[in-house]
Amino acid sequence: MTARLFVDNLPGGVGEEALRALFAQEGREVLSVSIMFDRQSGESHGYAFVEMASSADAALAIVALHRSVLRGQQLHVSEARPSRRKGPAERD
């Protein structure tokens, strides 16, 4: 079963390939990496989602990378929570 991780406090300039390589350390299988960018400026919002091949790989990645330092910034890695998008009846 796949697992999705939330990665916060990414330093600017970190690309998807660098993040994929970081999470793939020690044989963990990464299915996808999505760094969130501002549509207008193109600047990173400082967070990303990483989809791991298994919940075991995700748990290992959290233990290994939560509070690790990347380019001088401490990463925050946790299991991603489901999106709470508002449906048509809930919108203002």
PDB file of N, CA and C in Angstrom:
ATOM      1  N   MET A   1       0.833  -1.171   0.000  1.00  0.00           N
ATOM      2  CA  MET A   1       0.000   0.000   0.000  1.00  0.00           C
ATOM      3  C   MET A   1       0.885   1.244   0.000  1.00  0.00           C
ATOM      4  N   THR A   2       0.595   2.197  -0.870  1.00  0.00           N
ATOM      5  CA  THR A   2       1.398   3.410  -0.954  1.00  0.00           C
ATOM      6  C   THR A   2       1.104   4.333   0.223  1.00  0.00           C
ATOM      7  N   ALA A   3       2.021   5.258   0.462  1.00  0.00           N
ATOM      8  CA  ALA A   3       1.858   6.230   1.539  1.00  0.00           C
ATOM      9  C   ALA A   3       2.372   7.579   1.049  1.00  0.00           C
ATOM     10  N   ARG A   4       1.664   8.633   1.417  1.00  0.00           N
ATOM     11  CA  ARG A   4       2.016   9.980   0.992  1.00  0.00           C
ATOM     12  C   ARG A   4       2.555  10.764   2.184  1.00  0.00           C
ATOM     13  N   LEU A   5       3.696  11.424   1.975  1.00  0.00           N
ATOM     14  CA  LEU A   5       4.330  12.195   3.028  1.00  0.00           C
ATOM     15  C   LEU A   5       4.253  13.685   2.721  1.00  0.00           C
ATOM     16  N   PHE A   6       4.189  14.481   3.776  1.00  0.00           N
ATOM     17  CA  PHE A   6       4.221  15.932   3.676  1.00  0.00           C
ATOM     18  C   PHE A   6       5.598  16.373   4.146  1.00  0.00           C
ATOM     19  N   VAL A   7       6.287  17.157   3.325  1.00  0.00           N
ATOM     20  CA  VAL A   7       7.626  17.636   3.648  1.00  0.00           C
ATOM     21  C   VAL A   7       7.570  19.154   3.694  1.00  0.00           C
ATOM     22  N   ASP A   8       7.857  19.724   4.866  1.00  0.00           N
ATOM     23  CA  ASP A   8       7.751  21.169   5.055  1.00  0.00           C
ATOM     24  C   ASP A   8       9.122  21.765   5.361  1.00  0.00           C
ATOM     25  N   ASN A   9       9.238  23.065   5.139  1.00  0.00           N
ATOM     26  CA  ASN A   9      10.435  23.858   5.400  1.00  0.00           C
ATOM     27  C   ASN A   9      11.552  23.548   4.403  1.00  0.00           C
ATOM     28  N   LEU A  10      11.162  23.311   3.146  1.00  0.00           N
ATOM     29  CA  LEU A  10      12.159  23.069   2.101  1.00  0.00           C
ATOM     30  C   LEU A  10      12.910  24.355   1.785  1.00  0.00           C
ATOM     31  N   PRO A  11      14.223  24.271   1.655  1.00  0.00           N
ATOM     32  CA  PRO A  11      14.964  25.462   1.245  1.00  0.00           C
ATOM     33  C   PRO A  11      14.698  25.774  -0.231  1.00  0.00           C
ATOM     34  N   GLY A  12      14.781  27.032  -0.591  1.00  0.00           N
ATOM     35  CA  GLY A  12      14.590  27.424  -1.986  1.00  0.00           C
ATOM     36  C   GLY A  12      15.622  26.762  -2.882  1.00  0.00           C
ATOM     37  N   GLY A  13      15.235  26.468  -4.084  1.00  0.00           N
ATOM     38  CA  GLY A  13      16.147  25.882  -5.049  1.00  0.00           C
ATOM     39  C   GLY A  13      16.250  24.374  -5.023  1.00  0.00           C
ATOM     40  N   VAL A  14      15.603  23.719  -4.073  1.00  0.00           N
ATOM     41  CA  VAL A  14      15.626  22.251  -4.041  1.00  0.00           C
ATOM     42  C   VAL A  14      14.646  21.746  -5.095  1.00  0.00           C
ATOM     43  N   GLY A  15      15.140  20.934  -6.005  1.00  0.00           N
ATOM     44  CA  GLY A  15      14.303  20.412  -7.075  1.00  0.00           C
ATOM     45  C   GLY A  15      13.757  19.030  -6.765  1.00  0.00           C
ATOM     46  N   GLU A  16      12.865  18.579  -7.642  1.00  0.00           N
ATOM     47  CA  GLU A  16      12.234  17.275  -7.443  1.00  0.00           C
ATOM     48  C   GLU A  16      13.243  16.131  -7.459  1.00  0.00           C
ATOM     49  N   GLU A  17      14.245  16.212  -8.326  1.00  0.00           N
ATOM     50  CA  GLU A  17      15.224  15.120  -8.402  1.00  0.00           C
ATOM     51  C   GLU A  17      16.063  15.033  -7.132  1.00  0.00           C
ATOM     52  N   ALA A  18      16.440  16.178  -6.569  1.00  0.00           N
ATOM     53  CA  ALA A  18      17.218  16.173  -5.323  1.00  0.00           C
ATOM     54  C   ALA A  18      16.384  15.605  -4.176  1.00  0.00           C
ATOM     55  N   LEU A  19      15.115  15.978  -4.138  1.00  0.00           N
ATOM     56  CA  LEU A  19      14.230  15.474  -3.087  1.00  0.00           C
ATOM     57  C   LEU A  19      13.988  13.976  -3.266  1.00  0.00           C
ATOM     58  N   ARG A  20      13.815  13.545  -4.502  1.00  0.00           N
ATOM     59  CA  ARG A  20      13.640  12.110  -4.788  1.00  0.00           C
ATOM     60  C   ARG A  20      14.868  11.330  -4.316  1.00  0.00           C
ATOM     61  N   ALA A  21      16.053  11.831  -4.610  1.00  0.00           N
ATOM     62  CA  ALA A  21      17.290  11.144  -4.211  1.00  0.00           C
ATOM     63  C   ALA A  21      17.407  11.073  -2.688  1.00  0.00           C
ATOM     64  N   LEU A  22      17.038  12.147  -2.003  1.00  0.00           N
ATOM     65  CA  LEU A  22      17.088  12.163  -0.542  1.00  0.00           C
ATOM     66  C   LEU A  22      16.168  11.104   0.054  1.00  0.00           C
ATOM     67  N   PHE A  23      14.950  11.004  -0.457  1.00  0.00           N
ATOM     68  CA  PHE A  23      13.979  10.050   0.088  1.00  0.00           C
ATOM     69  C   PHE A  23      14.236   8.616  -0.371  1.00  0.00           C
ATOM     70  N   ALA A  24      14.997   8.435  -1.445  1.00  0.00           N
ATOM     71  CA  ALA A  24      15.291   7.096  -1.962  1.00  0.00           C
ATOM     72  C   ALA A  24      16.507   6.462  -1.290  1.00  0.00           C
ATOM     73  N   GLN A  25      17.143   7.186  -0.371  1.00  0.00           N
ATOM     74  CA  GLN A  25      18.311   6.637   0.317  1.00  0.00           C
ATOM     75  C   GLN A  25      17.980   5.307   0.973  1.00  0.00           C
ATOM     76  N   GLU A  26      18.969   4.462   1.049  1.00  0.00           N
ATOM     77  CA  GLU A  26      18.854   3.155   1.702  1.00  0.00           C
ATOM     78  C   GLU A  26      17.796   2.270   1.060  1.00  0.00           C
ATOM     79  N   GLY A  27      17.557   2.444  -0.233  1.00  0.00           N
ATOM     80  CA  GLY A  27      16.679   1.558  -0.971  1.00  0.00           C
ATOM     81  C   GLY A  27      15.189   1.825  -0.874  1.00  0.00           C
ATOM     82  N   ARG A  28      14.798   2.942  -0.241  1.00  0.00           N
ATOM     83  CA  ARG A  28      13.370   3.254  -0.166  1.00  0.00           C
ATOM     84  C   ARG A  28      12.868   3.631  -1.563  1.00  0.00           C
ATOM     85  N   GLU A  29      11.689   3.109  -1.917  1.00  0.00           N
ATOM     86  CA  GLU A  29      11.144   3.351  -3.252  1.00  0.00           C
ATOM     87  C   GLU A  29      10.211   4.565  -3.255  1.00  0.00           C
ATOM     88  N   VAL A  30      10.582   5.562  -4.068  1.00  0.00           N
ATOM     89  CA  VAL A  30       9.802   6.787  -4.206  1.00  0.00           C
ATOM     90  C   VAL A  30       9.007   6.703  -5.503  1.00  0.00           C
ATOM     91  N   LEU A  31       7.690   6.866  -5.418  1.00  0.00           N
ATOM     92  CA  LEU A  31       6.849   6.818  -6.610  1.00  0.00           C
ATOM     93  C   LEU A  31       6.706   8.182  -7.270  1.00  0.00           C
ATOM     94  N   SER A  32       6.578   9.243  -6.462  1.00  0.00           N
ATOM     95  CA  SER A  32       6.441  10.584  -7.043  1.00  0.00           C
ATOM     96  C   SER A  32       6.851  11.649  -6.036  1.00  0.00           C
ATOM     97  N   VAL A  33       7.237  12.797  -6.568  1.00  0.00           N
ATOM     98  CA  VAL A  33       7.598  13.964  -5.765  1.00  0.00           C
ATOM     99  C   VAL A  33       6.901  15.162  -6.397  1.00  0.00           C
ATOM    100  N   SER A  34       6.209  15.946  -5.573  1.00  0.00           N
ATOM    101  CA  SER A  34       5.519  17.145  -6.068  1.00  0.00           C
ATOM    102  C   SER A  34       5.843  18.319  -5.155  1.00  0.00           C
ATOM    103  N   ILE A  35       6.669  19.227  -5.659  1.00  0.00           N
ATOM    104  CA  ILE A  35       6.980  20.448  -4.918  1.00  0.00           C
ATOM    105  C   ILE A  35       5.931  21.484  -5.302  1.00  0.00           C
ATOM    106  N   MET A  36       5.386  22.170  -4.321  1.00  0.00           N
ATOM    107  CA  MET A  36       4.343  23.153  -4.563  1.00  0.00           C
ATOM    108  C   MET A  36       4.955  24.530  -4.863  1.00  0.00           C
ATOM    109  N   PHE A  37       4.490  25.141  -5.956  1.00  0.00           N
ATOM    110  CA  PHE A  37       4.991  26.445  -6.394  1.00  0.00           C
ATOM    111  C   PHE A  37       3.857  27.447  -6.496  1.00  0.00           C
ATOM    112  N   ASP A  38       4.195  28.719  -6.298  1.00  0.00           N
ATOM    113  CA  ASP A  38       3.253  29.808  -6.491  1.00  0.00           C
ATOM    114  C   ASP A  38       3.009  29.955  -7.990  1.00  0.00           C
ATOM    115  N   ARG A  39       1.770  30.024  -8.399  1.00  0.00           N
ATOM    116  CA  ARG A  39       1.434  30.097  -9.835  1.00  0.00           C
ATOM    117  C   ARG A  39       1.944  31.373 -10.495  1.00  0.00           C
ATOM    118  N   GLN A  40       1.905  32.464  -9.779  1.00  0.00           N
ATOM    119  CA  GLN A  40       2.284  33.745 -10.384  1.00  0.00           C
ATOM    120  C   GLN A  40       3.788  33.990 -10.359  1.00  0.00           C
ATOM    121  N   SER A  41       4.412  33.764  -9.213  1.00  0.00           N
ATOM    122  CA  SER A  41       5.846  34.082  -9.106  1.00  0.00           C
ATOM    123  C   SER A  41       6.744  32.917  -9.515  1.00  0.00           C
ATOM    124  N   GLY A  42       6.221  31.702  -9.453  1.00  0.00           N
ATOM    125  CA  GLY A  42       7.033  30.528  -9.751  1.00  0.00           C
ATOM    126  C   GLY A  42       7.932  30.118  -8.601  1.00  0.00           C
ATOM    127  N   GLU A  43       7.851  30.818  -7.477  1.00  0.00           N
ATOM    128  CA  GLU A  43       8.660  30.511  -6.298  1.00  0.00           C
ATOM    129  C   GLU A  43       8.050  29.325  -5.537  1.00  0.00           C
ATOM    130  N   SER A  44       8.930  28.563  -4.914  1.00  0.00           N
ATOM    131  CA  SER A  44       8.476  27.431  -4.111  1.00  0.00           C
ATOM    132  C   SER A  44       7.741  27.932  -2.876  1.00  0.00           C
ATOM    133  N   HIS A  45       6.684  27.217  -2.498  1.00  0.00           N
ATOM    134  CA  HIS A  45       5.968  27.520  -1.256  1.00  0.00           C
ATOM    135  C   HIS A  45       6.719  26.964  -0.040  1.00  0.00           C
ATOM    136  N   GLY A  46       7.750  26.149  -0.288  1.00  0.00           N
ATOM    137  CA  GLY A  46       8.539  25.601   0.807  1.00  0.00           C
ATOM    138  C   GLY A  46       8.043  24.268   1.326  1.00  0.00           C
ATOM    139  N   TYR A  47       7.145  23.641   0.569  1.00  0.00           N
ATOM    140  CA  TYR A  47       6.691  22.313   0.984  1.00  0.00           C
ATOM    141  C   TYR A  47       6.448  21.429  -0.234  1.00  0.00           C
ATOM    142  N   ALA A  48       6.395  20.124   0.033  1.00  0.00           N
ATOM    143  CA  ALA A  48       6.228  19.152  -1.054  1.00  0.00           C
ATOM    144  C   ALA A  48       5.490  17.925  -0.526  1.00  0.00           C
ATOM    145  N   PHE A  49       5.051  17.103  -1.466  1.00  0.00           N
ATOM    146  CA  PHE A  49       4.465  15.809  -1.144  1.00  0.00           C
ATOM    147  C   PHE A  49       5.316  14.747  -1.820  1.00  0.00           C
ATOM    148  N   VAL A  50       5.618  13.689  -1.069  1.00  0.00           N
ATOM    149  CA  VAL A  50       6.412  12.578  -1.583  1.00  0.00           C
ATOM    150  C   VAL A  50       5.593  11.310  -1.397  1.00  0.00           C
ATOM    151  N   GLU A  51       5.365  10.602  -2.482  1.00  0.00           N
ATOM    152  CA  GLU A  51       4.612   9.352  -2.410  1.00  0.00           C
ATOM    153  C   GLU A  51       5.594   8.187  -2.388  1.00  0.00           C
ATOM    154  N   MET A  52       5.487   7.381  -1.348  1.00  0.00           N
ATOM    155  CA  MET A  52       6.358   6.222  -1.174  1.00  0.00           C
ATOM    156  C   MET A  52       5.618   4.956  -1.601  1.00  0.00           C
ATOM    157  N   ALA A  53       6.378   3.941  -2.009  1.00  0.00           N
ATOM    158  CA  ALA A  53       5.794   2.699  -2.511  1.00  0.00           C
ATOM    159  C   ALA A  53       5.076   1.899  -1.429  1.00  0.00           C
ATOM    160  N   SER A  54       5.494   2.056  -0.187  1.00  0.00           N
ATOM    161  CA  SER A  54       4.856   1.290   0.887  1.00  0.00           C
ATOM    162  C   SER A  54       4.821   2.116   2.167  1.00  0.00           C
ATOM    163  N   SER A  55       3.931   1.734   3.053  1.00  0.00           N
ATOM    164  CA  SER A  55       3.861   2.423   4.343  1.00  0.00           C
ATOM    165  C   SER A  55       5.127   2.153   5.160  1.00  0.00           C
ATOM    166  N   ALA A  56       5.768   1.010   4.947  1.00  0.00           N
ATOM    167  CA  ALA A  56       7.028   0.710   5.639  1.00  0.00           C
ATOM    168  C   ALA A  56       8.129   1.659   5.180  1.00  0.00           C
ATOM    169  N   ASP A  57       8.225   1.898   3.862  1.00  0.00           N
ATOM    170  CA  ASP A  57       9.203   2.858   3.335  1.00  0.00           C
ATOM    171  C   ASP A  57       8.920   4.254   3.867  1.00  0.00           C
ATOM    172  N   ALA A  58       7.653   4.613   3.953  1.00  0.00           N
ATOM    173  CA  ALA A  58       7.276   5.935   4.465  1.00  0.00           C
ATOM    174  C   ALA A  58       7.678   6.085   5.927  1.00  0.00           C
ATOM    175  N   ALA A  59       7.432   5.065   6.721  1.00  0.00           N
ATOM    176  CA  ALA A  59       7.794   5.120   8.140  1.00  0.00           C
ATOM    177  C   ALA A  59       9.309   5.254   8.313  1.00  0.00           C
ATOM    178  N   LEU A  60      10.078   4.513   7.516  1.00  0.00           N
ATOM    179  CA  LEU A  60      11.538   4.623   7.575  1.00  0.00           C
ATOM    180  C   LEU A  60      12.000   6.018   7.171  1.00  0.00           C
ATOM    181  N   ALA A  61      11.374   6.583   6.153  1.00  0.00           N
ATOM    182  CA  ALA A  61      11.744   7.923   5.693  1.00  0.00           C
ATOM    183  C   ALA A  61      11.442   8.976   6.762  1.00  0.00           C
ATOM    184  N   ILE A  62      10.313   8.845   7.444  1.00  0.00           N
ATOM    185  CA  ILE A  62       9.964   9.791   8.506  1.00  0.00           C
ATOM    186  C   ILE A  62      11.009   9.725   9.620  1.00  0.00           C
ATOM    187  N   VAL A  63      11.348   8.528  10.043  1.00  0.00           N
ATOM    188  CA  VAL A  63      12.336   8.364  11.120  1.00  0.00           C
ATOM    189  C   VAL A  63      13.689   8.933  10.705  1.00  0.00           C
ATOM    190  N   ALA A  64      14.099   8.665   9.474  1.00  0.00           N
ATOM    191  CA  ALA A  64      15.420   9.090   9.009  1.00  0.00           C
ATOM    192  C   ALA A  64      15.495  10.580   8.688  1.00  0.00           C
ATOM    193  N   LEU A  65      14.406  11.176   8.206  1.00  0.00           N
ATOM    194  CA  LEU A  65      14.507  12.529   7.659  1.00  0.00           C
ATOM    195  C   LEU A  65      13.804  13.626   8.449  1.00  0.00           C
ATOM    196  N   HIS A  66      12.875  13.279   9.333  1.00  0.00           N
ATOM    197  CA  HIS A  66      12.217  14.323  10.123  1.00  0.00           C
ATOM    198  C   HIS A  66      13.262  15.010  10.996  1.00  0.00           C
ATOM    199  N   ARG A  67      13.306  16.310  10.921  1.00  0.00           N
ATOM    200  CA  ARG A  67      14.269  17.148  11.647  1.00  0.00           C
ATOM    201  C   ARG A  67      15.696  17.033  11.136  1.00  0.00           C
ATOM    202  N   SER A  68      15.880  16.414   9.957  1.00  0.00           N
ATOM    203  CA  SER A  68      17.207  16.418   9.351  1.00  0.00           C
ATOM    204  C   SER A  68      17.422  17.792   8.708  1.00  0.00           C
ATOM    205  N   VAL A  69      18.667  18.121   8.421  1.00  0.00           N
ATOM    206  CA  VAL A  69      18.989  19.436   7.870  1.00  0.00           C
ATOM    207  C   VAL A  69      19.352  19.293   6.395  1.00  0.00           C
ATOM    208  N   LEU A  70      18.701  20.092   5.569  1.00  0.00           N
ATOM    209  CA  LEU A  70      18.976  20.142   4.135  1.00  0.00           C
ATOM    210  C   LEU A  70      19.275  21.586   3.769  1.00  0.00           C
ATOM    211  N   ARG A  71      20.487  21.821   3.278  1.00  0.00           N
ATOM    212  CA  ARG A  71      20.920  23.164   2.890  1.00  0.00           C
ATOM    213  C   ARG A  71      20.657  24.203   3.989  1.00  0.00           C
ATOM    214  N   GLY A  72      20.949  23.806   5.210  1.00  0.00           N
ATOM    215  CA  GLY A  72      20.847  24.725   6.334  1.00  0.00           C
ATOM    216  C   GLY A  72      19.464  24.876   6.947  1.00  0.00           C
ATOM    217  N   GLN A  73      18.470  24.151   6.448  1.00  0.00           N
ATOM    218  CA  GLN A  73      17.116  24.238   7.000  1.00  0.00           C
ATOM    219  C   GLN A  73      16.668  22.872   7.505  1.00  0.00           C
ATOM    220  N   GLN A  74      16.002  22.891   8.661  1.00  0.00           N
ATOM    221  CA  GLN A  74      15.514  21.651   9.265  1.00  0.00           C
ATOM    222  C   GLN A  74      14.200  21.237   8.612  1.00  0.00           C
ATOM    223  N   LEU A  75      14.193  20.035   8.036  1.00  0.00           N
ATOM    224  CA  LEU A  75      12.989  19.520   7.379  1.00  0.00           C
ATOM    225  C   LEU A  75      11.994  19.000   8.409  1.00  0.00           C
ATOM    226  N   HIS A  76      10.731  19.111   8.082  1.00  0.00           N
ATOM    227  CA  HIS A  76       9.657  18.531   8.880  1.00  0.00           C
ATOM    228  C   HIS A  76       8.955  17.520   7.971  1.00  0.00           C
ATOM    229  N   VAL A  77       9.033  16.259   8.326  1.00  0.00           N
ATOM    230  CA  VAL A  77       8.473  15.186   7.498  1.00  0.00           C
ATOM    231  C   VAL A  77       7.423  14.445   8.317  1.00  0.00           C
ATOM    232  N   SER A  78       6.229  14.314   7.727  1.00  0.00           N
ATOM    233  CA  SER A  78       5.147  13.615   8.414  1.00  0.00           C
ATOM    234  C   SER A  78       4.243  12.958   7.379  1.00  0.00           C
ATOM    235  N   GLU A  79       3.355  12.120   7.870  1.00  0.00           N
ATOM    236  CA  GLU A  79       2.366  11.511   6.978  1.00  0.00           C
ATOM    237  C   GLU A  79       1.401  12.608   6.523  1.00  0.00           C
ATOM    238  N   ALA A  80       1.111  12.640   5.239  1.00  0.00           N
ATOM    239  CA  ALA A  80       0.196  13.655   4.704  1.00  0.00           C
ATOM    240  C   ALA A  80      -1.233  13.342   5.128  1.00  0.00           C
ATOM    241  N   ARG A  81      -1.951  14.381   5.462  1.00  0.00           N
ATOM    242  CA  ARG A  81      -3.371  14.227   5.811  1.00  0.00           C
ATOM    243  C   ARG A  81      -4.207  14.367   4.550  1.00  0.00           C
ATOM    244  N   PRO A  82      -5.364  13.730   4.505  1.00  0.00           N
ATOM    245  CA  PRO A  82      -6.239  13.862   3.331  1.00  0.00           C
ATOM    246  C   PRO A  82      -6.654  15.312   3.122  1.00  0.00           C
ATOM    247  N   SER A  83      -6.816  15.674   1.876  1.00  0.00           N
ATOM    248  CA  SER A  83      -7.245  17.024   1.517  1.00  0.00           C
ATOM    249  C   SER A  83      -8.663  17.262   2.009  1.00  0.00           C
ATOM    250  N   ARG A  84      -8.915  18.469   2.493  1.00  0.00           N
ATOM    251  CA  ARG A  84     -10.266  18.831   2.944  1.00  0.00           C
ATOM    252  C   ARG A  84     -10.825  19.915   2.034  1.00  0.00           C
ATOM    253  N   ARG A  85     -10.907  19.634   0.776  1.00  0.00           N
ATOM    254  CA  ARG A  85     -11.442  20.611  -0.172  1.00  0.00           C
ATOM    255  C   ARG A  85     -12.938  20.771   0.045  1.00  0.00           C
ATOM    256  N   LYS A  86     -13.397  21.997  -0.082  1.00  0.00           N
ATOM    257  CA  LYS A  86     -14.816  22.265   0.102  1.00  0.00           C
ATOM    258  C   LYS A  86     -15.590  21.864  -1.143  1.00  0.00           C
ATOM    259  N   GLY A  87     -16.733  21.225  -0.917  1.00  0.00           N
ATOM    260  CA  GLY A  87     -17.615  20.887  -2.015  1.00  0.00           C
ATOM    261  C   GLY A  87     -18.432  22.093  -2.417  1.00  0.00           C
ATOM    262  N   PRO A  88     -19.181  22.032  -3.511  1.00  0.00           N
ATOM    263  CA  PRO A  88     -19.970  23.162  -3.997  1.00  0.00           C
ATOM    264  C   PRO A  88     -20.925  23.735  -2.945  1.00  0.00           C
ATOM    265  N   ALA A  89     -21.511  22.902  -2.112  1.00  0.00           N
ATOM    266  CA  ALA A  89     -22.471  23.376  -1.096  1.00  0.00           C
ATOM    267  C   ALA A  89     -21.778  24.075   0.063  1.00  0.00           C
ATOM    268  N   GLU A  90     -20.474  23.816   0.254  1.00  0.00           N
ATOM    269  CA  GLU A  90     -19.744  24.396   1.380  1.00  0.00           C
ATOM    270  C   GLU A  90     -19.029  25.697   1.044  1.00  0.00           C
ATOM    271  N   ARG A  91     -18.912  26.027  -0.228  1.00  0.00           N
ATOM    272  CA  ARG A  91     -18.169  27.222  -0.638  1.00  0.00           C
ATOM    273  C   ARG A  91     -18.918  28.492  -0.283  1.00  0.00           C
ATOM    274  N   ASP A  92     -18.143  29.532   0.008  1.00  0.00           N
ATOM    275  CA  ASP A  92     -18.737  30.835   0.360  1.00  0.00           C
ATOM    276  C   ASP A  92     -19.240  31.556  -0.870  1.00  0.00           C
TER     277      ASP A  92
END
